[in-house]
Amino acid sequence: MGWKVVLHAFCRPTPRGCCYTAQMSVPQFARICFCLGAAVLLLAGFPTTCSGQNARGHFEVYCDGVGFFLAKVEGAPVPGKLFLFLYTGFPGIPYVREKTWKDVYVYRNGCVADGKCEVLARGKVWLDDEAMPDARRVSGKYEIELNGQHLRGQFAAKRHDYETPPRLCM
């Protein structure tokens, strides 16, 4: 209730008969700046309160695909971490186009796509930008069907370079 009074005091309409080409006085200019600033702050905070939790993690580039190690995945088994493997083809340089859904295999925390772990689920990822072999960061969104639950959200990942490759491609 109090903020409405403040906005009304600062954002009151101009009296009738005022011409828009007339020079603005300093108090009127300050009122307009305050109103625009308040609107921007209110709208800037709105999307962050409505959006879901974003997953964070890292990714690794392999000879036949890209692995996304994501943490804070809401709805994932404890501890809330998943490994998503995007198969790009064998052999070659992995390249993932932007703004298209790509199918991924979903593994539990601690697994890599080496044939020793069982696939938990299937899903898909959408990358905001192209994932080139030299990319340092990627972001996008994911959708996973896991145990009857539909997990979806956004993620951001930073590249992780390994000393010895966890996957052998021949």
N, C-alpha and C. Protein backbone atom coordinates (compact mmCIF):
# COMPACT_ATOMS: atom_id res chain seq x y z
N MET A 1 0.83 -1.18 0.00
CA MET A 1 0.00 0.00 0.00
C MET A 1 0.87 1.25 0.00
N GLY A 2 1.94 1.26 0.81
CA GLY A 2 2.80 2.42 0.92
C GLY A 2 3.52 2.75 -0.37
N TRP A 3 3.93 1.70 -1.13
CA TRP A 3 4.68 1.95 -2.36
C TRP A 3 3.78 2.56 -3.44
N LYS A 4 2.44 2.29 -3.36
CA LYS A 4 1.52 2.89 -4.32
C LYS A 4 1.43 4.40 -4.09
N VAL A 5 1.45 4.81 -2.82
CA VAL A 5 1.40 6.23 -2.50
C VAL A 5 2.66 6.92 -3.02
N VAL A 6 3.82 6.27 -2.83
CA VAL A 6 5.08 6.84 -3.30
C VAL A 6 5.07 6.97 -4.82
N LEU A 7 4.63 5.90 -5.51
CA LEU A 7 4.60 5.96 -6.97
C LEU A 7 3.62 7.01 -7.45
N HIS A 8 2.46 7.14 -6.79
CA HIS A 8 1.48 8.15 -7.19
C HIS A 8 2.05 9.56 -7.01
N ALA A 9 2.79 9.76 -5.93
CA ALA A 9 3.37 11.08 -5.67
C ALA A 9 4.41 11.43 -6.71
N PHE A 10 5.20 10.45 -7.15
CA PHE A 10 6.26 10.72 -8.11
C PHE A 10 5.78 10.59 -9.56
N CYS A 11 4.78 9.77 -9.80
CA CYS A 11 4.36 9.46 -11.17
C CYS A 11 3.02 10.07 -11.52
N ARG A 12 2.64 11.14 -10.91
CA ARG A 12 1.33 11.73 -11.19
C ARG A 12 1.33 12.28 -12.62
N PRO A 13 0.17 12.26 -13.26
CA PRO A 13 0.09 12.75 -14.64
C PRO A 13 0.27 14.26 -14.69
N THR A 14 0.68 14.74 -15.85
CA THR A 14 0.85 16.18 -16.03
C THR A 14 -0.52 16.82 -16.16
N PRO A 15 -0.67 18.10 -15.76
CA PRO A 15 -1.97 18.77 -15.86
C PRO A 15 -2.38 18.93 -17.32
N ARG A 16 -3.71 19.03 -17.54
CA ARG A 16 -4.24 19.19 -18.91
C ARG A 16 -3.74 20.51 -19.51
N GLY A 17 -3.57 20.47 -20.80
CA GLY A 17 -3.16 21.68 -21.50
C GLY A 17 -1.66 21.82 -21.61
N CYS A 18 -0.88 20.93 -20.99
CA CYS A 18 0.57 21.01 -21.11
C CYS A 18 0.99 20.45 -22.46
N CYS A 19 1.85 21.13 -23.10
CA CYS A 19 2.34 20.69 -24.40
C CYS A 19 3.55 19.78 -24.20
N TYR A 20 3.62 18.70 -24.97
CA TYR A 20 4.73 17.77 -24.85
C TYR A 20 6.05 18.39 -25.31
N THR A 21 5.98 19.45 -26.10
CA THR A 21 7.21 20.07 -26.57
C THR A 21 7.75 21.10 -25.59
N ALA A 22 6.98 21.36 -24.53
CA ALA A 22 7.45 22.33 -23.55
C ALA A 22 8.66 21.77 -22.81
N GLN A 23 9.52 22.67 -22.38
CA GLN A 23 10.71 22.24 -21.66
C GLN A 23 10.32 21.68 -20.30
N MET A 24 10.88 20.53 -19.93
CA MET A 24 10.58 19.91 -18.65
C MET A 24 11.32 20.59 -17.53
N SER A 25 10.66 20.69 -16.44
CA SER A 25 11.34 21.23 -15.26
C SER A 25 12.15 20.11 -14.63
N VAL A 26 13.10 20.44 -13.80
CA VAL A 26 13.97 19.44 -13.17
C VAL A 26 13.16 18.47 -12.31
N PRO A 27 12.19 18.92 -11.48
CA PRO A 27 11.43 17.95 -10.69
C PRO A 27 10.63 16.98 -11.55
N GLN A 28 10.07 17.45 -12.67
CA GLN A 28 9.31 16.57 -13.54
C GLN A 28 10.25 15.53 -14.17
N PHE A 29 11.41 15.94 -14.60
CA PHE A 29 12.39 15.03 -15.17
C PHE A 29 12.82 13.98 -14.14
N ALA A 30 13.02 14.40 -12.90
CA ALA A 30 13.39 13.47 -11.84
C ALA A 30 12.29 12.46 -11.58
N ARG A 31 11.01 12.92 -11.61
CA ARG A 31 9.89 12.01 -11.42
C ARG A 31 9.85 10.95 -12.52
N ILE A 32 10.04 11.37 -13.75
CA ILE A 32 10.02 10.44 -14.88
C ILE A 32 11.15 9.42 -14.75
N CYS A 33 12.34 9.90 -14.41
CA CYS A 33 13.48 8.98 -14.24
C CYS A 33 13.22 7.99 -13.11
N PHE A 34 12.64 8.46 -12.03
CA PHE A 34 12.33 7.58 -10.90
C PHE A 34 11.32 6.52 -11.31
N CYS A 35 10.27 6.92 -12.02
CA CYS A 35 9.24 5.96 -12.45
C CYS A 35 9.81 4.92 -13.39
N LEU A 36 10.61 5.35 -14.35
CA LEU A 36 11.22 4.39 -15.28
C LEU A 36 12.18 3.46 -14.56
N GLY A 37 12.96 4.00 -13.65
CA GLY A 37 13.89 3.17 -12.88
C GLY A 37 13.16 2.15 -12.03
N ALA A 38 12.07 2.54 -11.38
CA ALA A 38 11.28 1.61 -10.57
C ALA A 38 10.69 0.52 -11.43
N ALA A 39 10.20 0.87 -12.61
CA ALA A 39 9.63 -0.14 -13.52
C ALA A 39 10.69 -1.14 -13.97
N VAL A 40 11.87 -0.64 -14.30
CA VAL A 40 12.95 -1.52 -14.74
C VAL A 40 13.36 -2.48 -13.61
N LEU A 41 13.48 -1.96 -12.40
CA LEU A 41 13.85 -2.83 -11.27
C LEU A 41 12.80 -3.88 -10.98
N LEU A 42 11.54 -3.51 -11.06
CA LEU A 42 10.47 -4.49 -10.83
C LEU A 42 10.46 -5.57 -11.90
N LEU A 43 10.62 -5.16 -13.16
CA LEU A 43 10.62 -6.13 -14.25
C LEU A 43 11.88 -6.98 -14.28
N ALA A 44 13.00 -6.42 -13.86
CA ALA A 44 14.25 -7.19 -13.85
C ALA A 44 14.21 -8.28 -12.79
N GLY A 45 13.56 -8.04 -11.69
CA GLY A 45 13.48 -9.05 -10.64
C GLY A 45 12.43 -10.10 -10.89
N PHE A 46 11.45 -9.82 -11.74
CA PHE A 46 10.35 -10.74 -11.99
C PHE A 46 10.77 -12.05 -12.64
N PRO A 47 11.56 -12.07 -13.74
CA PRO A 47 11.91 -13.34 -14.36
C PRO A 47 12.74 -14.25 -13.45
N THR A 48 13.58 -13.68 -12.61
CA THR A 48 14.42 -14.52 -11.76
C THR A 48 13.61 -15.20 -10.68
N THR A 49 12.52 -14.60 -10.24
CA THR A 49 11.71 -15.24 -9.22
C THR A 49 10.81 -16.31 -9.82
N CYS A 50 10.50 -16.21 -11.11
CA CYS A 50 9.61 -17.18 -11.75
C CYS A 50 10.36 -18.34 -12.38
N SER A 51 11.62 -18.17 -12.70
CA SER A 51 12.34 -19.22 -13.39
C SER A 51 12.78 -20.30 -12.42
N GLY A 52 12.97 -21.50 -12.97
CA GLY A 52 13.39 -22.61 -12.14
C GLY A 52 14.87 -22.54 -11.80
N GLN A 53 15.29 -23.48 -11.02
CA GLN A 53 16.69 -23.52 -10.61
C GLN A 53 17.54 -23.91 -11.81
N ASN A 54 18.64 -23.23 -12.01
CA ASN A 54 19.53 -23.53 -13.11
C ASN A 54 20.59 -24.52 -12.66
N ALA A 55 20.86 -25.50 -13.53
CA ALA A 55 21.90 -26.48 -13.26
C ALA A 55 23.25 -25.88 -13.68
N ARG A 56 24.28 -26.23 -12.95
CA ARG A 56 25.64 -25.78 -13.26
C ARG A 56 26.52 -27.01 -13.35
N GLY A 57 27.66 -26.84 -14.01
CA GLY A 57 28.58 -27.95 -14.09
C GLY A 57 29.70 -27.69 -15.07
N HIS A 58 30.21 -28.79 -15.60
CA HIS A 58 31.27 -28.67 -16.60
C HIS A 58 31.00 -29.63 -17.74
N PHE A 59 31.73 -29.45 -18.83
CA PHE A 59 31.59 -30.36 -19.96
C PHE A 59 32.96 -30.77 -20.46
N GLU A 60 32.99 -31.94 -21.08
CA GLU A 60 34.22 -32.46 -21.67
C GLU A 60 33.95 -32.83 -23.12
N VAL A 61 34.92 -32.56 -23.97
CA VAL A 61 34.80 -32.88 -25.39
C VAL A 61 35.60 -34.15 -25.64
N TYR A 62 34.93 -35.14 -26.24
CA TYR A 62 35.56 -36.42 -26.56
C TYR A 62 35.65 -36.55 -28.08
N CYS A 63 36.26 -37.62 -28.54
CA CYS A 63 36.41 -37.81 -29.97
C CYS A 63 35.07 -38.12 -30.65
N ASP A 64 34.10 -38.61 -29.90
CA ASP A 64 32.82 -39.00 -30.48
C ASP A 64 31.61 -38.31 -29.86
N GLY A 65 31.85 -37.31 -29.04
CA GLY A 65 30.72 -36.63 -28.43
C GLY A 65 31.13 -35.63 -27.37
N VAL A 66 30.13 -35.17 -26.64
CA VAL A 66 30.32 -34.19 -25.58
C VAL A 66 29.61 -34.70 -24.33
N GLY A 67 30.30 -34.62 -23.19
CA GLY A 67 29.71 -35.03 -21.92
C GLY A 67 29.44 -33.82 -21.04
N PHE A 68 28.22 -33.72 -20.53
CA PHE A 68 27.83 -32.62 -19.64
C PHE A 68 27.65 -33.18 -18.24
N PHE A 69 28.45 -32.72 -17.29
CA PHE A 69 28.36 -33.12 -15.89
C PHE A 69 27.60 -32.01 -15.16
N LEU A 70 26.32 -32.24 -14.86
CA LEU A 70 25.48 -31.19 -14.29
C LEU A 70 25.17 -31.46 -12.83
N ALA A 71 25.20 -30.42 -12.03
CA ALA A 71 24.84 -30.47 -10.61
C ALA A 71 23.61 -29.58 -10.40
N LYS A 72 22.95 -29.78 -9.29
CA LYS A 72 21.74 -29.03 -8.93
C LYS A 72 20.62 -29.24 -9.93
N VAL A 73 20.48 -30.49 -10.39
CA VAL A 73 19.39 -30.83 -11.30
C VAL A 73 18.19 -31.21 -10.44
N GLU A 74 17.18 -30.37 -10.44
CA GLU A 74 16.01 -30.60 -9.60
C GLU A 74 15.26 -31.84 -10.08
N GLY A 75 15.02 -32.78 -9.16
CA GLY A 75 14.32 -34.02 -9.47
C GLY A 75 15.24 -35.19 -9.77
N ALA A 76 16.55 -34.93 -9.86
CA ALA A 76 17.52 -36.00 -10.12
C ALA A 76 17.76 -36.78 -8.83
N PRO A 77 18.18 -38.06 -8.95
CA PRO A 77 18.48 -38.83 -7.74
C PRO A 77 19.57 -38.15 -6.90
N VAL A 78 19.55 -38.41 -5.62
CA VAL A 78 20.55 -37.84 -4.70
C VAL A 78 21.92 -38.20 -5.22
N PRO A 79 22.82 -37.28 -5.35
CA PRO A 79 22.94 -35.91 -4.84
C PRO A 79 22.49 -34.83 -5.81
N GLY A 80 21.62 -35.14 -6.76
CA GLY A 80 21.13 -34.12 -7.69
C GLY A 80 22.06 -33.86 -8.85
N LYS A 81 22.92 -34.84 -9.16
CA LYS A 81 23.88 -34.68 -10.25
C LYS A 81 23.60 -35.73 -11.33
N LEU A 82 23.78 -35.32 -12.58
CA LEU A 82 23.61 -36.23 -13.71
C LEU A 82 24.71 -36.01 -14.73
N PHE A 83 24.97 -37.04 -15.51
CA PHE A 83 25.91 -36.96 -16.63
C PHE A 83 25.11 -37.16 -17.90
N LEU A 84 25.14 -36.18 -18.80
CA LEU A 84 24.44 -36.26 -20.08
C LEU A 84 25.48 -36.42 -21.18
N PHE A 85 25.33 -37.46 -21.99
CA PHE A 85 26.28 -37.70 -23.07
C PHE A 85 25.60 -37.48 -24.40
N LEU A 86 26.17 -36.58 -25.18
CA LEU A 86 25.67 -36.25 -26.51
C LEU A 86 26.60 -36.89 -27.54
N TYR A 87 26.10 -37.92 -28.20
CA TYR A 87 26.90 -38.63 -29.20
C TYR A 87 26.86 -37.84 -30.50
N THR A 88 28.03 -37.47 -31.02
CA THR A 88 28.11 -36.66 -32.24
C THR A 88 28.60 -37.45 -33.44
N GLY A 89 29.07 -38.64 -33.25
CA GLY A 89 29.55 -39.46 -34.36
C GLY A 89 30.97 -39.91 -34.12
N PHE A 90 31.34 -40.96 -34.80
CA PHE A 90 32.67 -41.52 -34.61
C PHE A 90 33.33 -41.71 -35.96
N PRO A 91 34.59 -41.51 -36.12
CA PRO A 91 35.43 -40.61 -35.34
C PRO A 91 35.27 -39.20 -35.88
N GLY A 92 35.89 -38.28 -35.28
CA GLY A 92 35.82 -36.93 -35.80
C GLY A 92 35.90 -35.88 -34.74
N ILE A 93 35.70 -34.68 -35.16
CA ILE A 93 35.74 -33.54 -34.27
C ILE A 93 34.29 -33.22 -33.89
N PRO A 94 33.97 -33.30 -32.61
CA PRO A 94 32.60 -33.02 -32.20
C PRO A 94 32.20 -31.58 -32.48
N TYR A 95 31.08 -31.44 -33.12
CA TYR A 95 30.51 -30.12 -33.41
C TYR A 95 29.01 -30.23 -33.17
N VAL A 96 28.47 -29.34 -32.35
CA VAL A 96 27.05 -29.38 -32.04
C VAL A 96 26.43 -28.06 -32.48
N ARG A 97 25.44 -28.16 -33.34
CA ARG A 97 24.77 -26.95 -33.84
C ARG A 97 23.96 -26.30 -32.73
N GLU A 98 23.79 -25.00 -32.87
CA GLU A 98 23.02 -24.23 -31.89
C GLU A 98 21.53 -24.29 -32.21
N LYS A 99 20.73 -24.06 -31.19
CA LYS A 99 19.28 -23.89 -31.30
C LYS A 99 18.57 -25.04 -32.01
N THR A 100 19.00 -26.25 -31.74
CA THR A 100 18.29 -27.45 -32.18
C THR A 100 18.34 -28.47 -31.04
N TRP A 101 17.28 -29.24 -30.88
CA TRP A 101 17.25 -30.26 -29.83
C TRP A 101 18.09 -31.44 -30.29
N LYS A 102 18.97 -31.90 -29.40
CA LYS A 102 19.83 -33.06 -29.66
C LYS A 102 19.56 -34.11 -28.60
N ASP A 103 19.48 -35.37 -29.01
CA ASP A 103 19.24 -36.47 -28.07
C ASP A 103 20.48 -36.75 -27.25
N VAL A 104 20.29 -37.06 -25.97
CA VAL A 104 21.38 -37.40 -25.06
C VAL A 104 21.02 -38.65 -24.28
N TYR A 105 22.06 -39.34 -23.82
CA TYR A 105 21.92 -40.45 -22.88
C TYR A 105 22.20 -39.88 -21.49
N VAL A 106 21.39 -40.27 -20.52
CA VAL A 106 21.52 -39.74 -19.17
C VAL A 106 22.04 -40.85 -18.26
N TYR A 107 23.12 -40.56 -17.54
CA TYR A 107 23.74 -41.50 -16.61
C TYR A 107 23.70 -40.93 -15.20
N ARG A 108 23.86 -41.79 -14.21
CA ARG A 108 23.88 -41.33 -12.82
C ARG A 108 25.20 -40.64 -12.52
N ASN A 109 25.26 -39.99 -11.38
CA ASN A 109 26.45 -39.28 -10.94
C ASN A 109 27.63 -40.25 -10.82
N GLY A 110 28.79 -39.85 -11.30
CA GLY A 110 29.99 -40.66 -11.20
C GLY A 110 30.25 -41.53 -12.41
N CYS A 111 29.34 -41.59 -13.34
CA CYS A 111 29.53 -42.41 -14.54
C CYS A 111 30.09 -41.59 -15.69
N VAL A 112 30.68 -42.29 -16.61
CA VAL A 112 31.04 -41.72 -17.90
C VAL A 112 30.52 -42.69 -18.95
N ALA A 113 30.39 -42.24 -20.16
CA ALA A 113 29.84 -43.08 -21.22
C ALA A 113 30.90 -44.03 -21.75
N ASP A 114 31.27 -45.01 -20.93
CA ASP A 114 32.31 -45.96 -21.32
C ASP A 114 31.79 -47.39 -21.42
N GLY A 115 30.48 -47.57 -21.32
CA GLY A 115 29.90 -48.90 -21.42
C GLY A 115 29.82 -49.64 -20.11
N LYS A 116 30.37 -49.09 -19.03
CA LYS A 116 30.35 -49.76 -17.73
C LYS A 116 29.13 -49.38 -16.90
N CYS A 117 28.49 -48.28 -17.23
CA CYS A 117 27.31 -47.81 -16.49
C CYS A 117 26.07 -47.99 -17.34
N GLU A 118 24.95 -48.19 -16.64
CA GLU A 118 23.67 -48.31 -17.30
C GLU A 118 23.10 -46.94 -17.59
N VAL A 119 22.43 -46.81 -18.70
CA VAL A 119 21.76 -45.56 -19.04
C VAL A 119 20.53 -45.43 -18.15
N LEU A 120 20.43 -44.32 -17.42
CA LEU A 120 19.27 -44.07 -16.55
C LEU A 120 18.04 -43.67 -17.35
N ALA A 121 18.24 -42.81 -18.32
CA ALA A 121 17.13 -42.26 -19.09
C ALA A 121 17.64 -41.68 -20.40
N ARG A 122 16.71 -41.23 -21.17
CA ARG A 122 17.04 -40.50 -22.40
C ARG A 122 16.51 -39.09 -22.23
N GLY A 123 17.15 -38.18 -22.92
CA GLY A 123 16.73 -36.80 -22.84
C GLY A 123 17.18 -36.04 -24.06
N LYS A 124 17.12 -34.74 -23.97
CA LYS A 124 17.59 -33.91 -25.06
C LYS A 124 18.11 -32.59 -24.51
N VAL A 125 19.03 -31.99 -25.25
CA VAL A 125 19.59 -30.70 -24.88
C VAL A 125 19.44 -29.73 -26.05
N TRP A 126 19.40 -28.46 -25.70
CA TRP A 126 19.31 -27.35 -26.66
C TRP A 126 20.41 -26.38 -26.27
N LEU A 127 21.34 -26.15 -27.15
CA LEU A 127 22.45 -25.24 -26.86
C LEU A 127 22.15 -23.86 -27.42
N ASP A 128 22.46 -22.84 -26.62
CA ASP A 128 22.23 -21.45 -27.04
C ASP A 128 23.20 -21.03 -28.13
N ASP A 129 24.42 -21.55 -28.10
CA ASP A 129 25.45 -21.24 -29.09
C ASP A 129 26.07 -22.53 -29.59
N GLU A 130 26.76 -22.46 -30.70
CA GLU A 130 27.43 -23.63 -31.24
C GLU A 130 28.47 -24.13 -30.26
N ALA A 131 28.59 -25.45 -30.16
CA ALA A 131 29.62 -26.05 -29.32
C ALA A 131 30.73 -26.55 -30.24
N MET A 132 31.72 -25.73 -30.41
CA MET A 132 32.86 -26.07 -31.24
C MET A 132 33.88 -26.80 -30.36
N PRO A 133 34.82 -27.52 -30.96
CA PRO A 133 35.81 -28.23 -30.15
C PRO A 133 36.63 -27.33 -29.23
N ASP A 134 36.75 -26.03 -29.56
CA ASP A 134 37.53 -25.13 -28.72
C ASP A 134 36.67 -24.25 -27.81
N ALA A 135 35.38 -24.56 -27.68
CA ALA A 135 34.48 -23.76 -26.84
C ALA A 135 34.90 -23.83 -25.37
N ARG A 136 34.82 -22.71 -24.67
CA ARG A 136 35.19 -22.67 -23.26
C ARG A 136 33.97 -22.75 -22.35
N ARG A 137 32.83 -22.25 -22.79
CA ARG A 137 31.60 -22.27 -22.01
C ARG A 137 30.43 -22.58 -22.94
N VAL A 138 29.44 -23.28 -22.41
CA VAL A 138 28.21 -23.53 -23.13
C VAL A 138 27.04 -23.31 -22.18
N SER A 139 25.91 -22.98 -22.75
CA SER A 139 24.68 -22.85 -21.97
C SER A 139 23.52 -23.29 -22.84
N GLY A 140 22.44 -23.66 -22.18
CA GLY A 140 21.27 -24.11 -22.92
C GLY A 140 20.22 -24.62 -21.98
N LYS A 141 19.39 -25.53 -22.50
CA LYS A 141 18.35 -26.13 -21.67
C LYS A 141 18.31 -27.62 -21.90
N TYR A 142 17.68 -28.33 -20.97
CA TYR A 142 17.59 -29.79 -21.06
C TYR A 142 16.18 -30.24 -20.73
N GLU A 143 15.82 -31.41 -21.26
CA GLU A 143 14.57 -32.08 -20.93
C GLU A 143 14.88 -33.56 -20.80
N ILE A 144 14.44 -34.16 -19.69
CA ILE A 144 14.74 -35.57 -19.40
C ILE A 144 13.49 -36.24 -18.85
N GLU A 145 13.19 -37.43 -19.35
CA GLU A 145 12.13 -38.28 -18.79
C GLU A 145 12.82 -39.29 -17.88
N LEU A 146 12.65 -39.14 -16.56
CA LEU A 146 13.35 -39.98 -15.59
C LEU A 146 12.35 -40.52 -14.58
N ASN A 147 12.14 -41.82 -14.58
CA ASN A 147 11.24 -42.49 -13.63
C ASN A 147 9.85 -41.84 -13.60
N GLY A 148 9.31 -41.55 -14.75
CA GLY A 148 7.98 -40.96 -14.83
C GLY A 148 7.94 -39.47 -14.58
N GLN A 149 9.07 -38.87 -14.25
CA GLN A 149 9.14 -37.43 -14.04
C GLN A 149 9.68 -36.76 -15.29
N HIS A 150 9.15 -35.59 -15.57
CA HIS A 150 9.66 -34.79 -16.69
C HIS A 150 10.54 -33.68 -16.11
N LEU A 151 11.85 -33.86 -16.20
CA LEU A 151 12.80 -32.87 -15.68
C LEU A 151 13.15 -31.92 -16.81
N ARG A 152 13.09 -30.64 -16.51
CA ARG A 152 13.48 -29.65 -17.50
C ARG A 152 14.07 -28.45 -16.78
N GLY A 153 14.98 -27.79 -17.46
CA GLY A 153 15.60 -26.62 -16.87
C GLY A 153 16.68 -26.07 -17.78
N GLN A 154 17.39 -25.10 -17.25
CA GLN A 154 18.48 -24.49 -17.98
C GLN A 154 19.80 -24.87 -17.33
N PHE A 155 20.87 -24.80 -18.10
CA PHE A 155 22.18 -25.12 -17.55
C PHE A 155 23.25 -24.22 -18.14
N ALA A 156 24.33 -24.13 -17.41
CA ALA A 156 25.53 -23.45 -17.88
C ALA A 156 26.71 -24.33 -17.47
N ALA A 157 27.64 -24.50 -18.38
CA ALA A 157 28.77 -25.39 -18.09
C ALA A 157 30.06 -24.77 -18.62
N LYS A 158 31.12 -25.04 -17.88
CA LYS A 158 32.45 -24.56 -18.23
C LYS A 158 33.27 -25.76 -18.69
N ARG A 159 34.14 -25.55 -19.64
CA ARG A 159 34.94 -26.66 -20.18
C ARG A 159 35.92 -27.19 -19.14
N HIS A 160 36.04 -28.50 -19.09
CA HIS A 160 37.01 -29.16 -18.23
C HIS A 160 37.96 -29.94 -19.12
N ASP A 161 39.23 -29.61 -19.07
CA ASP A 161 40.24 -30.33 -19.84
C ASP A 161 40.85 -31.40 -18.96
N TYR A 162 40.91 -32.60 -19.44
CA TYR A 162 41.44 -33.73 -18.69
C TYR A 162 42.87 -34.04 -19.14
N GLU A 163 43.64 -34.63 -18.22
CA GLU A 163 45.02 -34.98 -18.55
C GLU A 163 45.08 -36.26 -19.40
N THR A 164 44.34 -37.25 -19.00
CA THR A 164 44.26 -38.48 -19.80
C THR A 164 42.79 -38.67 -20.20
N PRO A 165 42.53 -38.94 -21.45
CA PRO A 165 41.14 -39.04 -21.89
C PRO A 165 40.41 -40.20 -21.21
N PRO A 166 39.20 -39.95 -20.69
CA PRO A 166 38.44 -41.02 -20.04
C PRO A 166 37.82 -41.99 -21.04
N ARG A 167 37.78 -41.61 -22.31
CA ARG A 167 37.22 -42.47 -23.35
C ARG A 167 38.30 -42.71 -24.40
N LEU A 168 38.44 -43.95 -24.78
CA LEU A 168 39.40 -44.28 -25.84
C LEU A 168 38.65 -44.49 -27.14
N CYS A 169 39.03 -43.77 -28.14
CA CYS A 169 38.42 -43.90 -29.47
C CYS A 169 39.51 -44.35 -30.43
N MET A 170 39.22 -45.38 -31.15
CA MET A 170 40.23 -45.90 -32.09
C MET A 170 39.70 -45.93 -33.49
